[in-house]
Amino acid sequence: MYRNIAVAYNESPEADRAMAAAIHLAKALNVGLHTITVMEKLPPYTAFAAGSDPAIACLLEEDRLKFYEQLQAKVRAAAAREGVQLVTHLMDTETVGGIVNYVCEHNVDLLVIGLHRRSDRVSRLWSTVYTIAQNVPCSVLGVH
């Protein structure tokens, strides 16, 4: 059925719920699991700090990378506790395009995504999840 499962993973509670569901599914199907984490850009206001001291830009970038590495370590530990092999991928790109490209390039069978609770109208018009689901060539499991 599904042999190559990936989870769009970030620091949100929705992504945590999606990851928990994906770990249980990967364990039940006895398959490995991948995460796709797209790093958020630093906020524009950090340019002001970097303007006053160029070393600050390097420190902020190091902190950003450390944050995502810790996030990945946390989820690898959670998967290991359940006996699931997890491979993490960190991307510094645009969210939708990065996830879609990863899914296509790695022949993902199932993409698991956490769903945000919003009104139906807003979700249909502005949803990143909807855009991803429309552009990936695999099944998508949305987790509440």
N, C-alpha and C. Protein backbone atom coordinates (compact mmCIF):
# COMPACT_ATOMS: atom_id res chain seq x y z
N MET A 1 0.84 -1.18 0.00
CA MET A 1 0.00 0.00 0.00
C MET A 1 0.89 1.25 0.00
N TYR A 2 1.23 1.76 1.16
CA TYR A 2 2.12 2.92 1.25
C TYR A 2 3.51 2.42 1.68
N ARG A 3 4.51 2.78 0.91
CA ARG A 3 5.87 2.37 1.22
C ARG A 3 6.78 3.55 1.53
N ASN A 4 6.34 4.75 1.14
CA ASN A 4 7.18 5.93 1.30
C ASN A 4 6.30 7.07 1.84
N ILE A 5 6.33 7.23 3.16
CA ILE A 5 5.48 8.21 3.84
C ILE A 5 6.32 9.41 4.26
N ALA A 6 5.79 10.59 4.04
CA ALA A 6 6.46 11.82 4.47
C ALA A 6 5.47 12.69 5.24
N VAL A 7 6.01 13.49 6.15
CA VAL A 7 5.20 14.40 6.94
C VAL A 7 5.73 15.81 6.76
N ALA A 8 4.83 16.75 6.45
CA ALA A 8 5.21 18.16 6.45
C ALA A 8 5.25 18.56 7.92
N TYR A 9 6.46 18.88 8.41
CA TYR A 9 6.64 19.06 9.85
C TYR A 9 7.27 20.41 10.18
N ASN A 10 6.68 21.09 11.16
CA ASN A 10 7.25 22.32 11.70
C ASN A 10 6.96 22.37 13.19
N GLU A 11 7.06 23.55 13.79
CA GLU A 11 6.88 23.66 15.24
C GLU A 11 5.43 23.80 15.69
N SER A 12 4.48 23.71 14.80
CA SER A 12 3.08 23.92 15.15
C SER A 12 2.47 22.70 15.85
N PRO A 13 1.42 22.93 16.65
CA PRO A 13 0.72 21.80 17.28
C PRO A 13 0.06 20.90 16.23
N GLU A 14 -0.36 21.49 15.12
CA GLU A 14 -0.97 20.70 14.04
C GLU A 14 0.04 19.72 13.46
N ALA A 15 1.27 20.18 13.28
CA ALA A 15 2.33 19.31 12.75
C ALA A 15 2.67 18.21 13.75
N ASP A 16 2.62 18.52 15.04
CA ASP A 16 2.86 17.49 16.06
C ASP A 16 1.80 16.39 15.99
N ARG A 17 0.55 16.79 15.81
CA ARG A 17 -0.52 15.79 15.69
C ARG A 17 -0.35 14.96 14.42
N ALA A 18 0.03 15.60 13.32
CA ALA A 18 0.27 14.87 12.07
C ALA A 18 1.42 13.89 12.24
N MET A 19 2.47 14.32 12.92
CA MET A 19 3.63 13.45 13.13
C MET A 19 3.25 12.25 13.98
N ALA A 20 2.49 12.45 15.04
CA ALA A 20 2.06 11.33 15.88
C ALA A 20 1.27 10.31 15.07
N ALA A 21 0.35 10.80 14.23
CA ALA A 21 -0.44 9.89 13.40
C ALA A 21 0.45 9.16 12.39
N ALA A 22 1.40 9.86 11.81
CA ALA A 22 2.29 9.25 10.81
C ALA A 22 3.20 8.21 11.45
N ILE A 23 3.67 8.47 12.67
CA ILE A 23 4.50 7.49 13.36
C ILE A 23 3.71 6.20 13.59
N HIS A 24 2.47 6.33 14.05
CA HIS A 24 1.64 5.13 14.28
C HIS A 24 1.35 4.40 12.97
N LEU A 25 1.11 5.14 11.91
CA LEU A 25 0.85 4.52 10.61
C LEU A 25 2.10 3.82 10.09
N ALA A 26 3.25 4.47 10.18
CA ALA A 26 4.51 3.86 9.72
C ALA A 26 4.82 2.60 10.51
N LYS A 27 4.54 2.64 11.81
CA LYS A 27 4.77 1.46 12.64
C LYS A 27 3.84 0.32 12.23
N ALA A 28 2.57 0.63 12.01
CA ALA A 28 1.60 -0.39 11.62
C ALA A 28 1.93 -1.01 10.26
N LEU A 29 2.43 -0.18 9.33
CA LEU A 29 2.75 -0.66 7.99
C LEU A 29 4.19 -1.17 7.88
N ASN A 30 4.95 -1.00 8.97
CA ASN A 30 6.36 -1.42 8.99
C ASN A 30 7.16 -0.76 7.86
N VAL A 31 7.01 0.57 7.75
CA VAL A 31 7.76 1.33 6.74
C VAL A 31 8.48 2.48 7.42
N GLY A 32 9.48 3.01 6.74
CA GLY A 32 10.19 4.18 7.25
C GLY A 32 9.37 5.43 7.05
N LEU A 33 9.87 6.50 7.62
CA LEU A 33 9.14 7.76 7.60
C LEU A 33 10.12 8.90 7.36
N HIS A 34 9.68 9.91 6.64
CA HIS A 34 10.49 11.10 6.37
C HIS A 34 9.74 12.33 6.84
N THR A 35 10.49 13.33 7.28
CA THR A 35 9.88 14.62 7.55
C THR A 35 10.42 15.62 6.54
N ILE A 36 9.59 16.57 6.19
CA ILE A 36 9.97 17.69 5.34
C ILE A 36 9.73 18.94 6.19
N THR A 37 10.80 19.59 6.57
CA THR A 37 10.69 20.81 7.38
C THR A 37 11.25 21.97 6.58
N VAL A 38 10.39 22.93 6.31
CA VAL A 38 10.81 24.14 5.61
C VAL A 38 11.06 25.21 6.66
N MET A 39 12.29 25.71 6.69
CA MET A 39 12.64 26.72 7.69
C MET A 39 11.98 28.06 7.35
N GLU A 40 11.41 28.67 8.38
CA GLU A 40 10.85 30.01 8.22
C GLU A 40 11.99 31.01 8.05
N LYS A 41 11.77 32.01 7.24
CA LYS A 41 12.75 33.08 7.09
C LYS A 41 12.77 33.92 8.36
N LEU A 42 13.89 34.57 8.60
CA LEU A 42 13.95 35.51 9.72
C LEU A 42 13.01 36.67 9.45
N PRO A 43 12.38 37.22 10.47
CA PRO A 43 11.46 38.35 10.25
C PRO A 43 12.21 39.55 9.66
N PRO A 44 11.52 40.35 8.86
CA PRO A 44 12.17 41.52 8.24
C PRO A 44 12.79 42.49 9.23
N TYR A 45 12.21 42.61 10.42
CA TYR A 45 12.74 43.58 11.38
C TYR A 45 14.14 43.21 11.87
N THR A 46 14.58 41.97 11.65
CA THR A 46 15.94 41.62 12.07
C THR A 46 17.00 42.35 11.26
N ALA A 47 16.62 42.88 10.11
CA ALA A 47 17.56 43.65 9.29
C ALA A 47 18.01 44.91 10.04
N PHE A 48 17.14 45.48 10.86
CA PHE A 48 17.51 46.65 11.64
C PHE A 48 18.63 46.31 12.62
N ALA A 49 18.51 45.17 13.28
CA ALA A 49 19.54 44.75 14.23
C ALA A 49 20.85 44.47 13.49
N ALA A 50 20.74 43.82 12.34
CA ALA A 50 21.94 43.52 11.57
C ALA A 50 22.60 44.78 11.04
N GLY A 51 21.80 45.81 10.80
CA GLY A 51 22.35 47.09 10.34
C GLY A 51 23.20 47.77 11.40
N SER A 52 22.85 47.57 12.64
CA SER A 52 23.62 48.20 13.72
C SER A 52 24.87 47.39 14.07
N ASP A 53 24.80 46.07 13.88
CA ASP A 53 25.96 45.21 14.14
C ASP A 53 25.88 44.00 13.21
N PRO A 54 26.73 43.93 12.17
CA PRO A 54 26.68 42.83 11.21
C PRO A 54 26.84 41.44 11.83
N ALA A 55 27.49 41.35 12.97
CA ALA A 55 27.65 40.06 13.62
C ALA A 55 26.32 39.50 14.11
N ILE A 56 25.37 40.37 14.36
CA ILE A 56 24.05 39.93 14.83
C ILE A 56 23.36 39.06 13.79
N ALA A 57 23.52 39.39 12.51
CA ALA A 57 22.90 38.59 11.45
C ALA A 57 23.40 37.15 11.51
N CYS A 58 24.68 36.96 11.73
CA CYS A 58 25.24 35.61 11.84
C CYS A 58 24.68 34.89 13.07
N LEU A 59 24.59 35.58 14.18
CA LEU A 59 24.06 34.98 15.40
C LEU A 59 22.60 34.57 15.24
N LEU A 60 21.82 35.44 14.61
CA LEU A 60 20.40 35.11 14.38
C LEU A 60 20.25 33.90 13.46
N GLU A 61 21.07 33.84 12.44
CA GLU A 61 21.02 32.70 11.51
C GLU A 61 21.45 31.41 12.21
N GLU A 62 22.47 31.48 13.07
CA GLU A 62 22.91 30.31 13.83
C GLU A 62 21.81 29.85 14.78
N ASP A 63 21.14 30.79 15.43
CA ASP A 63 20.03 30.44 16.33
C ASP A 63 18.89 29.79 15.58
N ARG A 64 18.60 30.32 14.41
CA ARG A 64 17.53 29.76 13.57
C ARG A 64 17.84 28.32 13.20
N LEU A 65 19.05 28.05 12.76
CA LEU A 65 19.45 26.70 12.38
C LEU A 65 19.44 25.77 13.59
N LYS A 66 19.91 26.24 14.73
CA LYS A 66 19.93 25.44 15.96
C LYS A 66 18.50 25.07 16.37
N PHE A 67 17.57 26.03 16.25
CA PHE A 67 16.17 25.77 16.59
C PHE A 67 15.63 24.61 15.76
N TYR A 68 15.86 24.63 14.45
CA TYR A 68 15.33 23.58 13.58
C TYR A 68 16.04 22.25 13.80
N GLU A 69 17.32 22.28 14.12
CA GLU A 69 18.03 21.04 14.42
C GLU A 69 17.48 20.41 15.70
N GLN A 70 17.16 21.23 16.70
CA GLN A 70 16.58 20.71 17.94
C GLN A 70 15.17 20.16 17.69
N LEU A 71 14.42 20.83 16.84
CA LEU A 71 13.09 20.36 16.48
C LEU A 71 13.17 18.98 15.83
N GLN A 72 14.13 18.82 14.93
CA GLN A 72 14.30 17.53 14.26
C GLN A 72 14.77 16.44 15.23
N ALA A 73 15.67 16.79 16.14
CA ALA A 73 16.15 15.82 17.13
C ALA A 73 14.99 15.34 18.00
N LYS A 74 14.10 16.25 18.38
CA LYS A 74 12.95 15.90 19.21
C LYS A 74 12.05 14.88 18.50
N VAL A 75 11.79 15.11 17.24
CA VAL A 75 10.88 14.22 16.52
C VAL A 75 11.56 12.88 16.18
N ARG A 76 12.88 12.89 15.95
CA ARG A 76 13.59 11.62 15.73
C ARG A 76 13.52 10.76 16.99
N ALA A 77 13.65 11.40 18.16
CA ALA A 77 13.55 10.67 19.42
C ALA A 77 12.15 10.08 19.61
N ALA A 78 11.13 10.84 19.27
CA ALA A 78 9.75 10.35 19.39
C ALA A 78 9.52 9.13 18.50
N ALA A 79 10.03 9.18 17.28
CA ALA A 79 9.88 8.05 16.36
C ALA A 79 10.67 6.84 16.86
N ALA A 80 11.88 7.08 17.35
CA ALA A 80 12.71 5.98 17.85
C ALA A 80 12.05 5.26 19.02
N ARG A 81 11.36 6.02 19.89
CA ARG A 81 10.66 5.40 21.02
C ARG A 81 9.59 4.42 20.54
N GLU A 82 9.06 4.65 19.35
CA GLU A 82 8.04 3.76 18.79
C GLU A 82 8.63 2.72 17.85
N GLY A 83 9.95 2.73 17.68
CA GLY A 83 10.60 1.76 16.80
C GLY A 83 10.48 2.09 15.32
N VAL A 84 10.26 3.37 15.01
CA VAL A 84 10.12 3.80 13.62
C VAL A 84 11.38 4.53 13.19
N GLN A 85 11.89 4.14 12.02
CA GLN A 85 13.06 4.83 11.46
C GLN A 85 12.58 6.12 10.81
N LEU A 86 13.14 7.24 11.26
CA LEU A 86 12.75 8.56 10.75
C LEU A 86 13.96 9.25 10.15
N VAL A 87 13.79 9.72 8.93
CA VAL A 87 14.82 10.50 8.25
C VAL A 87 14.27 11.92 8.14
N THR A 88 15.02 12.89 8.66
CA THR A 88 14.56 14.28 8.64
C THR A 88 15.23 15.05 7.52
N HIS A 89 14.48 15.96 6.92
CA HIS A 89 14.98 16.80 5.84
C HIS A 89 14.66 18.25 6.18
N LEU A 90 15.67 19.08 6.13
CA LEU A 90 15.53 20.50 6.44
C LEU A 90 15.76 21.28 5.16
N MET A 91 14.80 22.14 4.82
CA MET A 91 14.86 22.89 3.57
C MET A 91 14.77 24.38 3.84
N ASP A 92 15.55 25.13 3.11
CA ASP A 92 15.52 26.59 3.21
C ASP A 92 14.99 27.12 1.89
N THR A 93 13.67 27.02 1.75
CA THR A 93 13.02 27.35 0.49
C THR A 93 11.60 27.82 0.77
N GLU A 94 10.85 28.09 -0.26
CA GLU A 94 9.44 28.47 -0.16
C GLU A 94 8.64 27.22 0.22
N THR A 95 7.68 27.36 1.10
CA THR A 95 6.98 26.22 1.69
C THR A 95 6.31 25.30 0.68
N VAL A 96 5.38 25.81 -0.10
CA VAL A 96 4.62 24.95 -1.01
C VAL A 96 5.54 24.31 -2.03
N GLY A 97 6.34 25.11 -2.70
CA GLY A 97 7.23 24.58 -3.73
C GLY A 97 8.22 23.58 -3.18
N GLY A 98 8.76 23.85 -2.00
CA GLY A 98 9.71 22.93 -1.39
C GLY A 98 9.10 21.58 -1.08
N ILE A 99 7.91 21.58 -0.51
CA ILE A 99 7.24 20.32 -0.17
C ILE A 99 6.84 19.57 -1.43
N VAL A 100 6.27 20.26 -2.39
CA VAL A 100 5.85 19.61 -3.64
C VAL A 100 7.06 19.01 -4.35
N ASN A 101 8.15 19.75 -4.45
CA ASN A 101 9.35 19.23 -5.11
C ASN A 101 9.89 18.00 -4.39
N TYR A 102 9.93 18.05 -3.06
CA TYR A 102 10.42 16.90 -2.31
C TYR A 102 9.56 15.66 -2.59
N VAL A 103 8.25 15.83 -2.52
CA VAL A 103 7.33 14.70 -2.74
C VAL A 103 7.55 14.10 -4.13
N CYS A 104 7.69 14.95 -5.13
CA CYS A 104 7.89 14.46 -6.50
C CYS A 104 9.24 13.77 -6.67
N GLU A 105 10.29 14.38 -6.15
CA GLU A 105 11.64 13.84 -6.33
C GLU A 105 11.88 12.55 -5.55
N HIS A 106 11.18 12.35 -4.45
CA HIS A 106 11.42 11.17 -3.61
C HIS A 106 10.31 10.13 -3.70
N ASN A 107 9.44 10.25 -4.69
CA ASN A 107 8.37 9.27 -4.92
C ASN A 107 7.58 8.93 -3.66
N VAL A 108 7.14 9.96 -2.98
CA VAL A 108 6.35 9.78 -1.76
C VAL A 108 4.97 9.24 -2.14
N ASP A 109 4.53 8.21 -1.43
CA ASP A 109 3.20 7.61 -1.66
C ASP A 109 2.11 8.31 -0.87
N LEU A 110 2.48 8.80 0.33
CA LEU A 110 1.51 9.43 1.22
C LEU A 110 2.16 10.61 1.92
N LEU A 111 1.53 11.76 1.83
CA LEU A 111 1.98 12.96 2.52
C LEU A 111 1.00 13.24 3.66
N VAL A 112 1.52 13.34 4.87
CA VAL A 112 0.69 13.60 6.04
C VAL A 112 0.89 15.06 6.45
N ILE A 113 -0.23 15.76 6.62
CA ILE A 113 -0.19 17.19 6.92
C ILE A 113 -1.16 17.50 8.05
N GLY A 114 -0.73 18.33 8.97
CA GLY A 114 -1.62 18.78 10.04
C GLY A 114 -2.56 19.86 9.53
N LEU A 115 -3.82 19.75 9.91
CA LEU A 115 -4.83 20.71 9.48
C LEU A 115 -5.10 21.74 10.57
N HIS A 116 -5.12 23.00 10.16
CA HIS A 116 -5.46 24.09 11.07
C HIS A 116 -6.97 24.21 11.13
N ARG A 117 -7.48 24.56 12.26
CA ARG A 117 -8.93 24.74 12.40
C ARG A 117 -9.28 26.19 12.10
N ARG A 118 -9.87 26.40 10.94
CA ARG A 118 -10.31 27.73 10.52
C ARG A 118 -11.70 27.58 9.91
N SER A 119 -12.32 28.70 9.61
CA SER A 119 -13.63 28.60 8.97
C SER A 119 -13.46 27.99 7.58
N ASP A 120 -14.50 27.33 7.09
CA ASP A 120 -14.43 26.68 5.78
C ASP A 120 -14.06 27.65 4.67
N ARG A 121 -14.65 28.83 4.68
CA ARG A 121 -14.40 29.79 3.62
C ARG A 121 -12.93 30.23 3.61
N VAL A 122 -12.39 30.57 4.76
CA VAL A 122 -10.98 30.99 4.83
C VAL A 122 -10.06 29.84 4.44
N SER A 123 -10.36 28.63 4.91
CA SER A 123 -9.51 27.48 4.59
C SER A 123 -9.44 27.25 3.09
N ARG A 124 -10.57 27.34 2.41
CA ARG A 124 -10.57 27.10 0.97
C ARG A 124 -9.82 28.19 0.22
N LEU A 125 -9.91 29.41 0.65
CA LEU A 125 -9.30 30.50 -0.09
C LEU A 125 -7.80 30.66 0.19
N TRP A 126 -7.36 30.41 1.40
CA TRP A 126 -6.00 30.78 1.78
C TRP A 126 -5.14 29.62 2.28
N SER A 127 -5.57 28.42 2.13
CA SER A 127 -4.89 27.30 2.76
C SER A 127 -3.65 26.83 2.01
N THR A 128 -2.52 26.85 2.70
CA THR A 128 -1.30 26.26 2.18
C THR A 128 -1.48 24.77 1.96
N VAL A 129 -2.17 24.14 2.89
CA VAL A 129 -2.42 22.70 2.79
C VAL A 129 -3.19 22.38 1.51
N TYR A 130 -4.20 23.17 1.21
CA TYR A 130 -4.99 22.94 0.01
C TYR A 130 -4.11 23.08 -1.23
N THR A 131 -3.27 24.08 -1.27
CA THR A 131 -2.39 24.29 -2.42
C THR A 131 -1.43 23.12 -2.58
N ILE A 132 -0.86 22.66 -1.48
CA ILE A 132 0.03 21.50 -1.55
C ILE A 132 -0.73 20.29 -2.06
N ALA A 133 -1.90 20.02 -1.49
CA ALA A 133 -2.69 18.84 -1.87
C ALA A 133 -3.05 18.85 -3.36
N GLN A 134 -3.27 20.03 -3.91
CA GLN A 134 -3.61 20.12 -5.32
C GLN A 134 -2.42 19.89 -6.24
N ASN A 135 -1.20 20.00 -5.70
CA ASN A 135 -0.02 19.94 -6.55
C ASN A 135 0.86 18.72 -6.36
N VAL A 136 0.57 17.87 -5.39
CA VAL A 136 1.38 16.67 -5.20
C VAL A 136 0.74 15.48 -5.92
N PRO A 137 1.57 14.57 -6.45
CA PRO A 137 1.04 13.42 -7.18
C PRO A 137 0.81 12.19 -6.30
N CYS A 138 0.49 12.40 -5.03
CA CYS A 138 0.29 11.27 -4.12
C CYS A 138 -0.94 11.54 -3.25
N SER A 139 -1.26 10.54 -2.44
CA SER A 139 -2.35 10.70 -1.49
C SER A 139 -1.92 11.65 -0.39
N VAL A 140 -2.89 12.38 0.18
CA VAL A 140 -2.62 13.31 1.25
C VAL A 140 -3.56 12.97 2.42
N LEU A 141 -2.98 12.82 3.59
CA LEU A 141 -3.74 12.58 4.80
C LEU A 141 -3.70 13.82 5.66
N GLY A 142 -4.85 14.45 5.85
CA GLY A 142 -4.95 15.62 6.70
C GLY A 142 -5.35 15.19 8.09
N VAL A 143 -4.60 15.64 9.09
CA VAL A 143 -4.83 15.23 10.48
C VAL A 143 -5.27 16.43 11.29
N HIS A 144 -6.41 16.28 12.01
CA HIS A 144 -6.88 17.34 12.91
C HIS A 144 -6.24 17.19 14.25
